[in-house]
Amino acid sequence: MSVPIQPLADYVVAQAEEPAGKTASGLYLPDNAQEKPKVAKVLATGKDVKQVKTGDRIIYKGYSNTDVKLGSDEYILVKEEDVLATVK
C-alpha cells in the first residue's frame, strides 16, 4: 500500500483500526456509543523514529494525534513519544 504522506522527524503515520461493532455477548453498538480506537497500524515512519517500524500495531495517546483525511482514506500522525506500546 502506497502512503501519500511522508512523516518528518519523529512522527509516525498510521491507520486506526475499526472499533468493534458489537459486544462480546452479541449486542450491536451504535456509532456514537463506540469508543474511538487507540490501536493503529504503522504505515510509515520519519527518519528519527527509533523504536517503531512500518507494519507494527501500536497503542497511542488518543488526544495528542493529528487526524488527516486524503480522499477516502483516513490517517493519523503521532509523535513517537506518544506511542505507548506495540501490540503483538
N, C-alpha and C. Protein backbone atom coordinates (compact mmCIF):
# COMPACT_ATOMS: atom_id res chain seq x y z
N MET A 1 0.85 -1.18 0.00
CA MET A 1 0.00 0.00 0.00
C MET A 1 0.89 1.24 0.00
N SER A 2 0.69 2.10 -0.93
CA SER A 2 1.45 3.34 -1.03
C SER A 2 0.82 4.40 -0.14
N VAL A 3 1.63 5.02 0.70
CA VAL A 3 1.13 6.04 1.62
C VAL A 3 1.44 7.41 1.03
N PRO A 4 0.43 8.27 0.87
CA PRO A 4 0.65 9.58 0.27
C PRO A 4 1.27 10.60 1.22
N ILE A 5 1.55 10.19 2.45
CA ILE A 5 2.13 11.09 3.45
C ILE A 5 3.49 10.56 3.85
N GLN A 6 4.52 11.41 3.80
CA GLN A 6 5.84 11.04 4.30
C GLN A 6 6.09 11.82 5.59
N PRO A 7 6.11 11.12 6.74
CA PRO A 7 6.29 11.83 8.01
C PRO A 7 7.71 12.37 8.16
N LEU A 8 7.83 13.46 8.88
CA LEU A 8 9.12 14.08 9.14
C LEU A 8 9.56 13.77 10.56
N ALA A 9 10.84 13.88 10.81
CA ALA A 9 11.46 13.77 12.13
C ALA A 9 10.98 12.52 12.87
N ASP A 10 10.33 12.72 14.03
CA ASP A 10 9.94 11.59 14.88
C ASP A 10 8.44 11.30 14.81
N TYR A 11 7.83 11.58 13.68
CA TYR A 11 6.40 11.29 13.50
C TYR A 11 6.18 9.94 12.84
N VAL A 12 5.02 9.36 13.14
CA VAL A 12 4.60 8.07 12.59
C VAL A 12 3.27 8.28 11.90
N VAL A 13 3.10 7.74 10.69
CA VAL A 13 1.81 7.75 10.00
C VAL A 13 1.20 6.37 10.22
N ALA A 14 -0.05 6.36 10.72
CA ALA A 14 -0.72 5.10 10.99
C ALA A 14 -2.17 5.18 10.56
N GLN A 15 -2.80 4.03 10.52
CA GLN A 15 -4.22 3.96 10.18
C GLN A 15 -4.92 3.25 11.33
N ALA A 16 -5.89 3.92 11.94
CA ALA A 16 -6.60 3.39 13.11
C ALA A 16 -7.41 2.16 12.73
N GLU A 17 -7.46 1.21 13.65
CA GLU A 17 -8.28 0.03 13.44
C GLU A 17 -9.74 0.38 13.69
N GLU A 18 -10.63 -0.33 13.03
CA GLU A 18 -12.06 -0.09 13.18
C GLU A 18 -12.51 -0.53 14.57
N PRO A 19 -13.37 0.25 15.23
CA PRO A 19 -13.88 -0.16 16.54
C PRO A 19 -14.82 -1.35 16.40
N ALA A 20 -14.94 -2.09 17.48
CA ALA A 20 -15.84 -3.25 17.47
C ALA A 20 -17.27 -2.77 17.28
N GLY A 21 -18.01 -3.45 16.40
CA GLY A 21 -19.39 -3.07 16.12
C GLY A 21 -20.40 -3.72 17.04
N LYS A 22 -19.93 -4.74 17.81
CA LYS A 22 -20.85 -5.37 18.74
C LYS A 22 -20.08 -5.87 19.95
N THR A 23 -20.79 -6.10 21.03
CA THR A 23 -20.19 -6.55 22.27
C THR A 23 -19.91 -8.05 22.20
N ALA A 24 -19.22 -8.56 23.21
CA ALA A 24 -18.91 -9.99 23.26
C ALA A 24 -20.17 -10.84 23.37
N SER A 25 -21.22 -10.27 23.94
CA SER A 25 -22.48 -11.01 24.06
C SER A 25 -23.36 -10.91 22.82
N GLY A 26 -22.91 -10.15 21.81
CA GLY A 26 -23.64 -10.09 20.55
C GLY A 26 -24.51 -8.86 20.35
N LEU A 27 -24.49 -7.92 21.29
CA LEU A 27 -25.28 -6.70 21.12
C LEU A 27 -24.57 -5.74 20.18
N TYR A 28 -25.31 -5.17 19.24
CA TYR A 28 -24.72 -4.21 18.30
C TYR A 28 -24.67 -2.83 18.93
N LEU A 29 -23.56 -2.13 18.72
CA LEU A 29 -23.37 -0.80 19.29
C LEU A 29 -23.60 0.28 18.23
N PRO A 30 -24.36 1.32 18.54
CA PRO A 30 -24.49 2.43 17.60
C PRO A 30 -23.17 3.19 17.52
N ASP A 31 -22.96 3.92 16.43
CA ASP A 31 -21.71 4.63 16.21
C ASP A 31 -21.33 5.56 17.36
N ASN A 32 -22.31 6.25 17.93
CA ASN A 32 -21.98 7.21 18.99
C ASN A 32 -21.64 6.54 20.32
N ALA A 33 -21.89 5.24 20.47
CA ALA A 33 -21.56 4.52 21.70
C ALA A 33 -20.20 3.82 21.61
N GLN A 34 -19.61 3.79 20.42
CA GLN A 34 -18.34 3.11 20.24
C GLN A 34 -17.19 4.02 20.68
N GLU A 35 -16.20 3.41 21.32
CA GLU A 35 -15.02 4.17 21.70
C GLU A 35 -14.16 4.44 20.48
N LYS A 36 -13.49 5.59 20.47
CA LYS A 36 -12.55 5.88 19.41
C LYS A 36 -11.35 4.94 19.56
N PRO A 37 -10.94 4.28 18.49
CA PRO A 37 -9.86 3.31 18.62
C PRO A 37 -8.54 3.97 19.02
N LYS A 38 -7.78 3.27 19.83
CA LYS A 38 -6.47 3.75 20.25
C LYS A 38 -5.38 2.80 19.76
N VAL A 39 -5.76 1.89 18.87
CA VAL A 39 -4.81 0.95 18.27
C VAL A 39 -4.76 1.23 16.78
N ALA A 40 -3.55 1.27 16.23
CA ALA A 40 -3.40 1.58 14.80
C ALA A 40 -2.24 0.79 14.22
N LYS A 41 -2.24 0.67 12.91
CA LYS A 41 -1.15 0.00 12.19
C LYS A 41 -0.25 1.07 11.57
N VAL A 42 1.05 0.94 11.81
CA VAL A 42 2.02 1.90 11.30
C VAL A 42 2.23 1.69 9.81
N LEU A 43 2.08 2.76 9.03
CA LEU A 43 2.25 2.71 7.58
C LEU A 43 3.56 3.32 7.12
N ALA A 44 4.07 4.31 7.87
CA ALA A 44 5.33 4.97 7.52
C ALA A 44 5.90 5.63 8.77
N THR A 45 7.22 5.79 8.80
CA THR A 45 7.87 6.43 9.94
C THR A 45 8.83 7.50 9.45
N GLY A 46 9.05 8.52 10.29
CA GLY A 46 10.01 9.56 10.00
C GLY A 46 11.43 9.05 10.23
N LYS A 47 12.41 9.81 9.78
CA LYS A 47 13.81 9.35 9.84
C LYS A 47 14.36 9.27 11.25
N ASP A 48 13.76 9.97 12.22
CA ASP A 48 14.26 9.96 13.59
C ASP A 48 13.55 8.96 14.49
N VAL A 49 12.63 8.18 13.96
CA VAL A 49 11.91 7.20 14.76
C VAL A 49 12.83 6.00 14.99
N LYS A 50 12.95 5.59 16.26
CA LYS A 50 13.90 4.54 16.60
C LYS A 50 13.25 3.23 17.05
N GLN A 51 12.10 3.29 17.73
CA GLN A 51 11.56 2.08 18.34
C GLN A 51 10.35 1.48 17.63
N VAL A 52 9.80 2.17 16.66
CA VAL A 52 8.62 1.68 15.94
C VAL A 52 8.99 1.52 14.48
N LYS A 53 8.47 0.47 13.85
CA LYS A 53 8.76 0.27 12.43
C LYS A 53 7.47 0.05 11.65
N THR A 54 7.55 0.20 10.36
CA THR A 54 6.40 0.00 9.48
C THR A 54 5.85 -1.41 9.66
N GLY A 55 4.54 -1.51 9.79
CA GLY A 55 3.88 -2.80 9.98
C GLY A 55 3.53 -3.10 11.42
N ASP A 56 4.12 -2.38 12.37
CA ASP A 56 3.79 -2.59 13.78
C ASP A 56 2.37 -2.13 14.07
N ARG A 57 1.73 -2.78 15.05
CA ARG A 57 0.46 -2.29 15.59
C ARG A 57 0.81 -1.57 16.89
N ILE A 58 0.31 -0.37 17.05
CA ILE A 58 0.68 0.45 18.20
C ILE A 58 -0.54 0.87 19.01
N ILE A 59 -0.31 1.16 20.28
CA ILE A 59 -1.28 1.81 21.14
C ILE A 59 -0.74 3.21 21.36
N TYR A 60 -1.59 4.22 21.15
CA TYR A 60 -1.13 5.60 21.22
C TYR A 60 -2.06 6.44 22.08
N LYS A 61 -1.54 7.59 22.53
CA LYS A 61 -2.36 8.53 23.29
C LYS A 61 -3.40 9.11 22.34
N GLY A 62 -4.66 9.01 22.68
CA GLY A 62 -5.74 9.39 21.79
C GLY A 62 -5.94 10.88 21.61
N TYR A 63 -5.46 11.70 22.52
CA TYR A 63 -5.71 13.14 22.44
C TYR A 63 -4.58 13.91 21.77
N SER A 64 -3.46 13.27 21.50
CA SER A 64 -2.29 14.01 21.01
C SER A 64 -1.98 13.78 19.54
N ASN A 65 -2.85 13.10 18.83
CA ASN A 65 -2.58 12.81 17.42
C ASN A 65 -3.27 13.83 16.51
N THR A 66 -2.86 13.82 15.24
CA THR A 66 -3.47 14.67 14.22
C THR A 66 -4.17 13.76 13.20
N ASP A 67 -5.46 13.97 12.99
CA ASP A 67 -6.22 13.19 12.02
C ASP A 67 -6.15 13.86 10.66
N VAL A 68 -5.90 13.06 9.61
CA VAL A 68 -5.80 13.58 8.25
C VAL A 68 -6.64 12.69 7.35
N LYS A 69 -7.45 13.31 6.49
CA LYS A 69 -8.24 12.55 5.52
C LYS A 69 -7.80 12.96 4.12
N LEU A 70 -7.34 11.98 3.35
CA LEU A 70 -6.93 12.21 1.96
C LEU A 70 -7.76 11.28 1.09
N GLY A 71 -8.63 11.85 0.30
CA GLY A 71 -9.54 11.03 -0.49
C GLY A 71 -10.49 10.30 0.43
N SER A 72 -10.58 8.99 0.28
CA SER A 72 -11.45 8.20 1.14
C SER A 72 -10.69 7.56 2.31
N ASP A 73 -9.38 7.77 2.37
CA ASP A 73 -8.57 7.16 3.42
C ASP A 73 -8.32 8.15 4.56
N GLU A 74 -8.33 7.62 5.78
CA GLU A 74 -8.05 8.42 6.97
C GLU A 74 -6.76 7.93 7.60
N TYR A 75 -5.91 8.88 7.97
CA TYR A 75 -4.62 8.58 8.59
C TYR A 75 -4.50 9.36 9.88
N ILE A 76 -3.59 8.91 10.75
CA ILE A 76 -3.26 9.68 11.94
C ILE A 76 -1.76 9.91 11.96
N LEU A 77 -1.37 11.06 12.44
CA LEU A 77 0.04 11.39 12.65
C LEU A 77 0.27 11.43 14.15
N VAL A 78 1.23 10.65 14.62
CA VAL A 78 1.52 10.54 16.03
C VAL A 78 3.02 10.72 16.24
N LYS A 79 3.40 11.51 17.25
CA LYS A 79 4.81 11.61 17.61
C LYS A 79 5.23 10.30 18.26
N GLU A 80 6.46 9.90 18.03
CA GLU A 80 6.93 8.63 18.61
C GLU A 80 6.81 8.62 20.13
N GLU A 81 7.00 9.75 20.78
CA GLU A 81 6.90 9.81 22.24
C GLU A 81 5.47 9.58 22.73
N ASP A 82 4.47 9.70 21.85
CA ASP A 82 3.08 9.46 22.22
C ASP A 82 2.64 8.03 21.93
N VAL A 83 3.54 7.21 21.40
CA VAL A 83 3.27 5.79 21.23
C VAL A 83 3.56 5.12 22.55
N LEU A 84 2.56 4.46 23.11
CA LEU A 84 2.68 3.87 24.44
C LEU A 84 3.21 2.43 24.41
N ALA A 85 2.85 1.67 23.36
CA ALA A 85 3.25 0.26 23.29
C ALA A 85 3.03 -0.27 21.89
N THR A 86 3.64 -1.42 21.62
CA THR A 86 3.34 -2.15 20.39
C THR A 86 2.52 -3.38 20.79
N VAL A 87 1.68 -3.83 19.87
CA VAL A 87 0.80 -4.97 20.11
C VAL A 87 1.32 -6.14 19.30
N LYS A 88 1.43 -7.30 19.93
CA LYS A 88 1.93 -8.49 19.23
C LYS A 88 0.78 -9.30 18.70
